[in-house]
Amino acid sequence: MFGLQEEDEPLLSKECVQSDPEPRFKYLSPKLDAIFVAAFDTRAGNIIEWSYPAQLDLKGAEFKALPSGAHNVQHDIITFEINGSYGYSVYALKQVDSVAERGARLKSVGVIGPHYLPLISHEDKLIEFATDCVESPGSYQHLIQYIVEHNESCPDTLSYELRPPSVGSVCDLFRLLGVNMFVIWKMMLLKRRILLQCVPPISRHCNYVMALSSLTQSQYCQAKPLFFVTVNDINVLHYNQNYLACTSDLVLKSKGSHIYDVYVTGTSVLNAEQQVVSYTQGDANRHSRLAEVVEREMGVRNTSDIDRLILSYFTQLTEDLFSTLGNVCSGDKKFTSSDLNDVRFHSSDIPYLQTLVDKLGYDIELIKPGCCEEHLKHFFS
């Protein structure tokens, strides 16, 4: 019967529990395209106060480096996408005795590069620069020296591990979302546009975006992480067909299907019509079994290992699902109850599977259990 599994079936293979999965690496350029300082001006609002090289178009970065609500926190770290490149900025706030600055000085120092992973290595220096900027604004020659010396000394490419750099972010997200982490995973397999609501500090939510993007790092699907977005990114969101992002601009929620398919607020997952996307019994089963393993392993493994264990499970689910769909498609084209059990799905997941094979164009017949082998046929282009 659909959804039944043997009681002694392991949640994860022995290899996944006892050792890390084979790491995925990517060779990327560590060189920087630009360095900049964003500031809040009491008359002009958010501005790019300074940048090098000056001719590079950074329009919009001032709103990402200084997000809505930034005045409520002392410091923050924001990752964002801009004009096809990525930015990584550190924000700092200092209370000052200045009427012109309304008692507070807000600045953010950031770097721009072709990929987000190499930018993370600059975090410590950016923290130092941001602190210097709010203490002694206007002197930025040392920033030019930093980017020039960095680009001259680094190789053309370096190897980077494609995993969340913030230890514990996957584990935190699993605790926060609970069973809804499986709902979001399934939406990612459908290549949906997913937007997370957040408030400063933004760094935590940027880590969540990276953690979620790691759930489906496979040959079958990979959501593009846009990280932090603002109202200035409405066109970017509209034209991106498959992304993960977070925002503190609540007005974006009202844009619905124009810019997103799934909106995550707190622990709730909503569709573009603001309706709750409910989890299935299959999601509940998968979550219960993974939570049991995580709880057991917590006492003997460190947080980084738990992050990898959770990622291993989702990676294994993804690989098993698409491998089975591919085998069925190249075989008798009948997806049976045995296949459903093999991919750890439940009868409650059948509507989702129909949507998935439709979306991805699999020529598959989903067999429904019954004494007469009643079935539902779905042939897709």
Foldseek 3Di string as FASTA:
>chain_A
DFQDDDPPDALAPPCLQPHFDDFDKDKAFLAFPKKWKWWQFPPPGIDGPDMPPPPDDPPPVSCQQCDPQNVVDAKAWFWFDDPQKIKIKIKGKDQDPDVRVPRMIIMIMMIIDNDDQSRVVCVVVRVVVNVCCRVPNDDCPVVVVVNVVVNVPDDRIDMDTLAQPDQQLLVVVCVFQQLCLVVVLLVQLLQWFEEEEDHPVQRSVLSNQSLSQLLAPDPRGGAAEREEDDPVCLVVQQPRRHHYYYYNHVVVLLVFPSRGQWYHYGNFIAGSVRHTDDDFVLSVVSSVSLVVSLVVCPVPDDRNSSSSSVSSSSNVLNVLLVVLLVVCLVPVQECESVSSVSSSGGPRCVVSVLSSCQSVQRQHWYFDDDPVRDTDGDHHD
